[in-house]
Structures are given as structure tokens and as C-alpha cells.
């Protein structure tokens, strides 16, 4: 059984807005993540250093953000492989 908990934080730094994902990204929270990202209204950094994993819907959402130019930092090797992989 996979965990369903995630914490989504955003913070403003001198370099811009950082959105942090902590836990497991699943379809059930994508609306919250999309609303936050859309409300930023400009470039931001997606910090995945605390992202444990994701389901297919979450992976599609992350890939979409990356394709749209969102910068990613801190992704584990596993998450990086998922982001770079083919559907």
C-alpha cells in the first residue's frame, strides 16, 4: 500500500518562488498543486528533494511542468529517471 500524504509548500526567495513537494504525489492532490502553480503567474522552481514518489497522473503533471519550462532541483535519481523516461 502506497502512502497518500503530501505536503505542498511555497516560499519566496531572492531568486524567486520555490514550490516544494514533500511525500507522495498522487492524482488526488493534483488540483491543489495545479492551482498553486497557476497562481504564481511566472517562472518558479520546483524543489523535489523531499518527493518520495508519484503515480502516473502525478508524473504526467510534473513532466508537463518541466516541458513548460519549470526548473527542477533536488530530484532523487529515481525521480529524475521517471521525469526523463518515456510514457
PDB file of N, CA and C in Angstrom:
ATOM      1  N   UNK A   1       0.850  -1.182   0.000  1.00  0.00           N
ATOM      2  CA  UNK A   1       0.000   0.000   0.000  1.00  0.00           C
ATOM      3  C   UNK A   1       0.891   1.239   0.000  1.00  0.00           C
ATOM      4  N   UNK A   2       0.639   2.164  -0.921  1.00  0.00           N
ATOM      5  CA  UNK A   2       1.463   3.352  -1.020  1.00  0.00           C
ATOM      6  C   UNK A   2       0.926   4.461  -0.122  1.00  0.00           C
ATOM      7  N   UNK A   3       1.804   5.339   0.354  1.00  0.00           N
ATOM      8  CA  UNK A   3       1.339   6.462   1.160  1.00  0.00           C
ATOM      9  C   UNK A   3       0.568   7.458   0.295  1.00  0.00           C
ATOM     10  N   UNK A   4      -0.375   8.169   0.896  1.00  0.00           N
ATOM     11  CA  UNK A   4      -1.145   9.146   0.143  1.00  0.00           C
ATOM     12  C   UNK A   4      -0.880  10.574   0.606  1.00  0.00           C
ATOM     13  N   UNK A   5      -0.076  10.733   1.615  1.00  0.00           N
ATOM     14  CA  UNK A   5       0.142  12.058   2.181  1.00  0.00           C
ATOM     15  C   UNK A   5       1.189  12.837   1.396  1.00  0.00           C
ATOM     16  N   UNK A   6       0.894  14.104   1.183  1.00  0.00           N
ATOM     17  CA  UNK A   6       1.864  15.014   0.588  1.00  0.00           C
ATOM     18  C   UNK A   6       1.676  16.375   1.233  1.00  0.00           C
ATOM     19  N   UNK A   7       2.783  17.074   1.341  1.00  0.00           N
ATOM     20  CA  UNK A   7       2.746  18.463   1.787  1.00  0.00           C
ATOM     21  C   UNK A   7       3.293  19.297   0.644  1.00  0.00           C
ATOM     22  N   UNK A   8       2.562  20.339   0.280  1.00  0.00           N
ATOM     23  CA  UNK A   8       2.982  21.242  -0.784  1.00  0.00           C
ATOM     24  C   UNK A   8       3.215  22.606  -0.154  1.00  0.00           C
ATOM     25  N   UNK A   9       4.445  23.079  -0.226  1.00  0.00           N
ATOM     26  CA  UNK A   9       4.797  24.386   0.324  1.00  0.00           C
ATOM     27  C   UNK A   9       5.271  25.291  -0.789  1.00  0.00           C
ATOM     28  N   UNK A  10       5.092  26.575  -0.598  1.00  0.00           N
ATOM     29  CA  UNK A  10       5.724  27.535  -1.495  1.00  0.00           C
ATOM     30  C   UNK A  10       6.385  28.589  -0.633  1.00  0.00           C
ATOM     31  N   UNK A  11       7.484  29.109  -1.138  1.00  0.00           N
ATOM     32  CA  UNK A  11       8.206  30.156  -0.417  1.00  0.00           C
ATOM     33  C   UNK A  11       8.844  31.082  -1.443  1.00  0.00           C
ATOM     34  N   UNK A  12       9.038  32.309  -1.020  1.00  0.00           N
ATOM     35  CA  UNK A  12       9.665  33.299  -1.880  1.00  0.00           C
ATOM     36  C   UNK A  12      11.099  33.480  -1.419  1.00  0.00           C
ATOM     37  N   UNK A  13      12.022  33.379  -2.364  1.00  0.00           N
ATOM     38  CA  UNK A  13      13.443  33.586  -2.092  1.00  0.00           C
ATOM     39  C   UNK A  13      13.910  34.762  -2.939  1.00  0.00           C
ATOM     40  N   UNK A  14      15.112  35.251  -2.703  1.00  0.00           N
ATOM     41  CA  UNK A  14      15.638  36.318  -3.567  1.00  0.00           C
ATOM     42  C   UNK A  14      15.699  35.910  -5.040  1.00  0.00           C
ATOM     43  N   UNK A  15      15.789  34.604  -5.315  1.00  0.00           N
ATOM     44  CA  UNK A  15      15.848  34.114  -6.691  1.00  0.00           C
ATOM     45  C   UNK A  15      14.476  33.875  -7.296  1.00  0.00           C
ATOM     46  N   UNK A  16      13.427  33.936  -6.503  1.00  0.00           N
ATOM     47  CA  UNK A  16      12.078  33.716  -7.000  1.00  0.00           C
ATOM     48  C   UNK A  16      11.286  32.767  -6.121  1.00  0.00           C
ATOM     49  N   UNK A  17      10.173  32.292  -6.651  1.00  0.00           N
ATOM     50  CA  UNK A  17       9.271  31.401  -5.917  1.00  0.00           C
ATOM     51  C   UNK A  17       9.764  29.963  -6.045  1.00  0.00           C
ATOM     52  N   UNK A  18       9.712  29.246  -4.917  1.00  0.00           N
ATOM     53  CA  UNK A  18      10.068  27.828  -4.881  1.00  0.00           C
ATOM     54  C   UNK A  18       8.839  27.056  -4.392  1.00  0.00           C
ATOM     55  N   UNK A  19       8.441  26.030  -5.144  1.00  0.00           N
ATOM     56  CA  UNK A  19       7.364  25.135  -4.740  1.00  0.00           C
ATOM     57  C   UNK A  19       8.016  23.821  -4.334  1.00  0.00           C
ATOM     58  N   UNK A  20       7.744  23.391  -3.107  1.00  0.00           N
ATOM     59  CA  UNK A  20       8.346  22.175  -2.553  1.00  0.00           C
ATOM     60  C   UNK A  20       7.288  21.088  -2.412  1.00  0.00           C
ATOM     61  N   UNK A  21       7.638  19.872  -2.825  1.00  0.00           N
ATOM     62  CA  UNK A  21       6.765  18.718  -2.658  1.00  0.00           C
ATOM     63  C   UNK A  21       7.409  17.767  -1.662  1.00  0.00           C
ATOM     64  N   UNK A  22       6.666  17.411  -0.622  1.00  0.00           N
ATOM     65  CA  UNK A  22       7.144  16.514   0.431  1.00  0.00           C
ATOM     66  C   UNK A  22       6.201  15.318   0.503  1.00  0.00           C
ATOM     67  N   UNK A  23       6.684  14.133   0.157  1.00  0.00           N
ATOM     68  CA  UNK A  23       5.855  12.935   0.269  1.00  0.00           C
ATOM     69  C   UNK A  23       5.573  12.301  -1.073  1.00  0.00           C
ATOM     70  N   UNK A  24       4.338  11.833  -1.228  1.00  0.00           N
ATOM     71  CA  UNK A  24       3.904  11.081  -2.415  1.00  0.00           C
ATOM     72  C   UNK A  24       2.921  11.928  -3.218  1.00  0.00           C
ATOM     73  N   UNK A  25       3.236  12.156  -4.495  1.00  0.00           N
ATOM     74  CA  UNK A  25       2.353  12.941  -5.367  1.00  0.00           C
ATOM     75  C   UNK A  25       1.411  12.005  -6.092  1.00  0.00           C
ATOM     76  N   UNK A  26       0.127  12.126  -5.785  1.00  0.00           N
ATOM     77  CA  UNK A  26      -0.881  11.292  -6.418  1.00  0.00           C
ATOM     78  C   UNK A  26      -1.965  12.126  -7.048  1.00  0.00           C
ATOM     79  N   UNK A  27      -2.753  11.485  -7.872  1.00  0.00           N
ATOM     80  CA  UNK A  27      -3.831  12.137  -8.605  1.00  0.00           C
ATOM     81  C   UNK A  27      -4.762  12.924  -7.687  1.00  0.00           C
ATOM     82  N   UNK A  28      -4.981  12.431  -6.484  1.00  0.00           N
ATOM     83  CA  UNK A  28      -5.944  13.055  -5.579  1.00  0.00           C
ATOM     84  C   UNK A  28      -5.552  14.461  -5.131  1.00  0.00           C
ATOM     85  N   UNK A  29      -4.293  14.869  -5.309  1.00  0.00           N
ATOM     86  CA  UNK A  29      -3.863  16.214  -4.897  1.00  0.00           C
ATOM     87  C   UNK A  29      -3.417  17.079  -6.071  1.00  0.00           C
ATOM     88  N   UNK A  30      -3.579  16.588  -7.288  1.00  0.00           N
ATOM     89  CA  UNK A  30      -3.104  17.354  -8.447  1.00  0.00           C
ATOM     90  C   UNK A  30      -3.818  18.685  -8.600  1.00  0.00           C
ATOM     91  N   UNK A  31      -5.087  18.748  -8.258  1.00  0.00           N
ATOM     92  CA  UNK A  31      -5.816  20.011  -8.348  1.00  0.00           C
ATOM     93  C   UNK A  31      -5.181  21.080  -7.474  1.00  0.00           C
ATOM     94  N   UNK A  32      -4.831  20.701  -6.260  1.00  0.00           N
ATOM     95  CA  UNK A  32      -4.184  21.635  -5.334  1.00  0.00           C
ATOM     96  C   UNK A  32      -2.842  22.111  -5.894  1.00  0.00           C
ATOM     97  N   UNK A  33      -2.048  21.176  -6.410  1.00  0.00           N
ATOM     98  CA  UNK A  33      -0.745  21.534  -6.973  1.00  0.00           C
ATOM     99  C   UNK A  33      -0.914  22.434  -8.192  1.00  0.00           C
ATOM    100  N   UNK A  34      -1.806  22.085  -9.094  1.00  0.00           N
ATOM    101  CA  UNK A  34      -2.024  22.879 -10.303  1.00  0.00           C
ATOM    102  C   UNK A  34      -2.513  24.281  -9.957  1.00  0.00           C
ATOM    103  N   UNK A  35      -3.430  24.395  -8.998  1.00  0.00           N
ATOM    104  CA  UNK A  35      -3.919  25.713  -8.589  1.00  0.00           C
ATOM    105  C   UNK A  35      -2.799  26.579  -8.044  1.00  0.00           C
ATOM    106  N   UNK A  36      -1.946  25.999  -7.212  1.00  0.00           N
ATOM    107  CA  UNK A  36      -0.829  26.756  -6.659  1.00  0.00           C
ATOM    108  C   UNK A  36       0.121  27.203  -7.763  1.00  0.00           C
ATOM    109  N   UNK A  37       0.515  26.278  -8.626  1.00  0.00           N
ATOM    110  CA  UNK A  37       1.452  26.606  -9.709  1.00  0.00           C
ATOM    111  C   UNK A  37       0.868  27.660 -10.641  1.00  0.00           C
ATOM    112  N   UNK A  38      -0.405  27.538 -10.979  1.00  0.00           N
ATOM    113  CA  UNK A  38      -1.045  28.504 -11.878  1.00  0.00           C
ATOM    114  C   UNK A  38      -1.154  29.876 -11.231  1.00  0.00           C
ATOM    115  N   UNK A  39      -1.310  29.921  -9.916  1.00  0.00           N
ATOM    116  CA  UNK A  39      -1.465  31.201  -9.218  1.00  0.00           C
ATOM    117  C   UNK A  39      -0.156  31.984  -9.133  1.00  0.00           C
ATOM    118  N   UNK A  40       0.963  31.322  -9.336  1.00  0.00           N
ATOM    119  CA  UNK A  40       2.257  32.002  -9.248  1.00  0.00           C
ATOM    120  C   UNK A  40       2.398  33.001 -10.387  1.00  0.00           C
ATOM    121  N   UNK A  41       1.916  32.657 -11.551  1.00  0.00           N
ATOM    122  CA  UNK A  41       1.870  33.596 -12.657  1.00  0.00           C
ATOM    123  C   UNK A  41       3.212  33.956 -13.267  1.00  0.00           C
ATOM    124  N   UNK A  42       4.195  33.168 -13.074  1.00  0.00           N
ATOM    125  CA  UNK A  42       5.508  33.421 -13.657  1.00  0.00           C
ATOM    126  C   UNK A  42       6.413  32.235 -13.409  1.00  0.00           C
ATOM    127  N   UNK A  43       7.677  32.380 -13.733  1.00  0.00           N
ATOM    128  CA  UNK A  43       8.604  31.258 -13.530  1.00  0.00           C
ATOM    129  C   UNK A  43       8.771  30.930 -12.047  1.00  0.00           C
ATOM    130  N   UNK A  44       8.989  29.664 -11.792  1.00  0.00           N
ATOM    131  CA  UNK A  44       9.259  29.221 -10.421  1.00  0.00           C
ATOM    132  C   UNK A  44      10.120  27.979 -10.459  1.00  0.00           C
ATOM    133  N   UNK A  45      10.632  27.619  -9.321  1.00  0.00           N
ATOM    134  CA  UNK A  45      11.477  26.442  -9.166  1.00  0.00           C
ATOM    135  C   UNK A  45      10.679  25.372  -8.440  1.00  0.00           C
ATOM    136  N   UNK A  46      10.746  24.155  -8.925  1.00  0.00           N
ATOM    137  CA  UNK A  46      10.081  23.027  -8.299  1.00  0.00           C
ATOM    138  C   UNK A  46      11.137  22.218  -7.547  1.00  0.00           C
ATOM    139  N   UNK A  47      11.058  22.232  -6.219  1.00  0.00           N
ATOM    140  CA  UNK A  47      12.013  21.518  -5.370  1.00  0.00           C
ATOM    141  C   UNK A  47      11.444  20.136  -5.078  1.00  0.00           C
ATOM    142  N   UNK A  48      12.087  19.112  -5.639  1.00  0.00           N
ATOM    143  CA  UNK A  48      11.623  17.727  -5.469  1.00  0.00           C
ATOM    144  C   UNK A  48      12.509  16.929  -4.522  1.00  0.00           C
ATOM    145  N   UNK A  49      13.305  17.610  -3.732  1.00  0.00           N
ATOM    146  CA  UNK A  49      14.259  16.907  -2.860  1.00  0.00           C
ATOM    147  C   UNK A  49      13.575  16.034  -1.815  1.00  0.00           C
ATOM    148  N   UNK A  50      12.318  16.315  -1.486  1.00  0.00           N
ATOM    149  CA  UNK A  50      11.590  15.524  -0.494  1.00  0.00           C
ATOM    150  C   UNK A  50      10.450  14.719  -1.101  1.00  0.00           C
ATOM    151  N   UNK A  51      10.437  14.621  -2.432  1.00  0.00           N
ATOM    152  CA  UNK A  51       9.398  13.839  -3.100  1.00  0.00           C
ATOM    153  C   UNK A  51       9.789  12.361  -3.074  1.00  0.00           C
ATOM    154  N   UNK A  52       8.963  11.548  -2.426  1.00  0.00           N
ATOM    155  CA  UNK A  52       9.258  10.125  -2.286  1.00  0.00           C
ATOM    156  C   UNK A  52       8.865   9.333  -3.526  1.00  0.00           C
ATOM    157  N   UNK A  53       7.814   9.763  -4.207  1.00  0.00           N
ATOM    158  CA  UNK A  53       7.352   9.032  -5.377  1.00  0.00           C
ATOM    159  C   UNK A  53       6.105   9.676  -5.929  1.00  0.00           C
ATOM    160  N   UNK A  54       5.599   9.088  -7.014  1.00  0.00           N
ATOM    161  CA  UNK A  54       4.435   9.646  -7.679  1.00  0.00           C
ATOM    162  C   UNK A  54       3.711   8.550  -8.454  1.00  0.00           C
ATOM    163  N   UNK A  55       2.423   8.762  -8.652  1.00  0.00           N
ATOM    164  CA  UNK A  55       1.688   7.852  -9.522  1.00  0.00           C
ATOM    165  C   UNK A  55       1.770   8.386 -10.949  1.00  0.00           C
ATOM    166  N   UNK A  56       1.136   7.699 -11.898  1.00  0.00           N
ATOM    167  CA  UNK A  56       1.229   8.093 -13.311  1.00  0.00           C
ATOM    168  C   UNK A  56       0.661   9.486 -13.561  1.00  0.00           C
ATOM    169  N   UNK A  57      -0.436   9.819 -12.910  1.00  0.00           N
ATOM    170  CA  UNK A  57      -1.038  11.146 -13.103  1.00  0.00           C
ATOM    171  C   UNK A  57      -0.108  12.235 -12.585  1.00  0.00           C
ATOM    172  N   UNK A  58       0.496  11.997 -11.442  1.00  0.00           N
ATOM    173  CA  UNK A  58       1.446  12.967 -10.893  1.00  0.00           C
ATOM    174  C   UNK A  58       2.661  13.122 -11.777  1.00  0.00           C
ATOM    175  N   UNK A  59       3.138  12.017 -12.318  1.00  0.00           N
ATOM    176  CA  UNK A  59       4.292  12.053 -13.209  1.00  0.00           C
ATOM    177  C   UNK A  59       3.968  12.851 -14.474  1.00  0.00           C
ATOM    178  N   UNK A  60       2.791  12.642 -15.044  1.00  0.00           N
ATOM    179  CA  UNK A  60       2.385  13.416 -16.223  1.00  0.00           C
ATOM    180  C   UNK A  60       2.340  14.904 -15.899  1.00  0.00           C
ATOM    181  N   UNK A  61       1.821  15.249 -14.727  1.00  0.00           N
ATOM    182  CA  UNK A  61       1.748  16.658 -14.320  1.00  0.00           C
ATOM    183  C   UNK A  61       3.144  17.253 -14.170  1.00  0.00           C
ATOM    184  N   UNK A  62       4.046  16.515 -13.553  1.00  0.00           N
ATOM    185  CA  UNK A  62       5.423  17.009 -13.394  1.00  0.00           C
ATOM    186  C   UNK A  62       6.105  17.160 -14.749  1.00  0.00           C
ATOM    187  N   UNK A  63       5.947  16.161 -15.591  1.00  0.00           N
ATOM    188  CA  UNK A  63       6.547  16.248 -16.937  1.00  0.00           C
ATOM    189  C   UNK A  63       5.993  17.442 -17.707  1.00  0.00           C
ATOM    190  N   UNK A  64       4.703  17.707 -17.554  1.00  0.00           N
ATOM    191  CA  UNK A  64       4.094  18.853 -18.221  1.00  0.00           C
ATOM    192  C   UNK A  64       4.682  20.164 -17.744  1.00  0.00           C
ATOM    193  N   UNK A  65       4.901  20.275 -16.454  1.00  0.00           N
ATOM    194  CA  UNK A  65       5.506  21.495 -15.899  1.00  0.00           C
ATOM    195  C   UNK A  65       6.938  21.659 -16.398  1.00  0.00           C
ATOM    196  N   UNK A  66       7.682  20.569 -16.420  1.00  0.00           N
ATOM    197  CA  UNK A  66       9.067  20.626 -16.910  1.00  0.00           C
ATOM    198  C   UNK A  66       9.081  21.023 -18.388  1.00  0.00           C
ATOM    199  N   UNK A  67       8.188  20.440 -19.178  1.00  0.00           N
ATOM    200  CA  UNK A  67       8.111  20.768 -20.603  1.00  0.00           C
ATOM    201  C   UNK A  67       7.747  22.235 -20.821  1.00  0.00           C
ATOM    202  N   UNK A  68       7.007  22.808 -19.860  1.00  0.00           N
ATOM    203  CA  UNK A  68       6.608  24.217 -19.955  1.00  0.00           C
ATOM    204  C   UNK A  68       7.709  25.157 -19.465  1.00  0.00           C
ATOM    205  N   UNK A  69       8.831  24.590 -19.026  1.00  0.00           N
ATOM    206  CA  UNK A  69       9.963  25.426 -18.638  1.00  0.00           C
ATOM    207  C   UNK A  69      10.199  25.589 -17.151  1.00  0.00           C
ATOM    208  N   UNK A  70       9.441  24.898 -16.325  1.00  0.00           N
ATOM    209  CA  UNK A  70       9.676  24.985 -14.888  1.00  0.00           C
ATOM    210  C   UNK A  70      10.992  24.291 -14.565  1.00  0.00           C
ATOM    211  N   UNK A  71      11.823  24.962 -13.798  1.00  0.00           N
ATOM    212  CA  UNK A  71      13.092  24.375 -13.376  1.00  0.00           C
ATOM    213  C   UNK A  71      12.857  23.439 -12.199  1.00  0.00           C
ATOM    214  N   UNK A  72      13.617  22.356 -12.169  1.00  0.00           N
ATOM    215  CA  UNK A  72      13.520  21.355 -11.107  1.00  0.00           C
ATOM    216  C   UNK A  72      14.870  21.244 -10.423  1.00  0.00           C
ATOM    217  N   UNK A  73      14.836  21.117  -9.114  1.00  0.00           N
ATOM    218  CA  UNK A  73      16.070  20.857  -8.376  1.00  0.00           C
ATOM    219  C   UNK A  73      15.803  19.820  -7.300  1.00  0.00           C
ATOM    220  N   UNK A  74      16.859  19.150  -6.907  1.00  0.00           N
ATOM    221  CA  UNK A  74      16.806  18.230  -5.782  1.00  0.00           C
ATOM    222  C   UNK A  74      16.157  16.884  -6.036  1.00  0.00           C
ATOM    223  N   UNK A  75      15.781  16.590  -7.258  1.00  0.00           N
ATOM    224  CA  UNK A  75      15.123  15.307  -7.527  1.00  0.00           C
ATOM    225  C   UNK A  75      16.086  14.160  -7.287  1.00  0.00           C
ATOM    226  N   UNK A  76      15.603  13.121  -6.631  1.00  0.00           N
ATOM    227  CA  UNK A  76      16.419  11.927  -6.441  1.00  0.00           C
ATOM    228  C   UNK A  76      16.710  11.308  -7.803  1.00  0.00           C
ATOM    229  N   UNK A  77      17.667  10.422  -7.826  1.00  0.00           N
ATOM    230  CA  UNK A  77      17.995   9.741  -9.077  1.00  0.00           C
ATOM    231  C   UNK A  77      16.762   9.017  -9.625  1.00  0.00           C
ATOM    232  N   UNK A  78      16.018   8.402  -8.748  1.00  0.00           N
ATOM    233  CA  UNK A  78      14.794   7.686  -9.141  1.00  0.00           C
ATOM    234  C   UNK A  78      13.786   8.633  -9.799  1.00  0.00           C
ATOM    235  N   UNK A  79      13.517   9.749  -9.158  1.00  0.00           N
ATOM    236  CA  UNK A  79      12.554  10.717  -9.702  1.00  0.00           C
ATOM    237  C   UNK A  79      13.078  11.301 -11.004  1.00  0.00           C
ATOM    238  N   UNK A  80      14.373  11.583 -11.067  1.00  0.00           N
ATOM    239  CA  UNK A  80      14.951  12.118 -12.289  1.00  0.00           C
ATOM    240  C   UNK A  80      14.771  11.126 -13.451  1.00  0.00           C
ATOM    241  N   UNK A  81      14.998   9.848 -13.191  1.00  0.00           N
ATOM    242  CA  UNK A  81      14.789   8.836 -14.222  1.00  0.00           C
ATOM    243  C   UNK A  81      13.341   8.792 -14.689  1.00  0.00           C
ATOM    244  N   UNK A  82      12.415   8.902 -13.750  1.00  0.00           N
ATOM    245  CA  UNK A  82      10.995   8.931 -14.116  1.00  0.00           C
ATOM    246  C   UNK A  82      10.683  10.132 -14.993  1.00  0.00           C
ATOM    247  N   UNK A  83      11.205  11.306 -14.629  1.00  0.00           N
ATOM    248  CA  UNK A  83      10.941  12.518 -15.397  1.00  0.00           C
ATOM    249  C   UNK A  83      11.514  12.436 -16.807  1.00  0.00           C
ATOM    250  N   UNK A  84      12.649  11.780 -16.954  1.00  0.00           N
ATOM    251  CA  UNK A  84      13.308  11.681 -18.241  1.00  0.00           C
ATOM    252  C   UNK A  84      12.795  10.531 -19.080  1.00  0.00           C
ATOM    253  N   UNK A  85      12.069   9.597 -18.466  1.00  0.00           N
ATOM    254  CA  UNK A  85      11.604   8.403 -19.165  1.00  0.00           C
ATOM    255  C   UNK A  85      10.506   8.684 -20.157  1.00  0.00           C
ATOM    256  N   UNK A  86      10.238   7.690 -20.958  1.00  0.00           N
ATOM    257  CA  UNK A  86       9.151   7.763 -21.946  1.00  0.00           C
ATOM    258  C   UNK A  86       7.871   7.289 -21.314  1.00  0.00           C
ATOM    259  N   UNK A  87       6.750   7.769 -21.824  1.00  0.00           N
ATOM    260  CA  UNK A  87       5.443   7.307 -21.321  1.00  0.00           C
ATOM    261  C   UNK A  87       5.165   5.895 -21.695  1.00  0.00           C
TER     262      UNK A  87
END
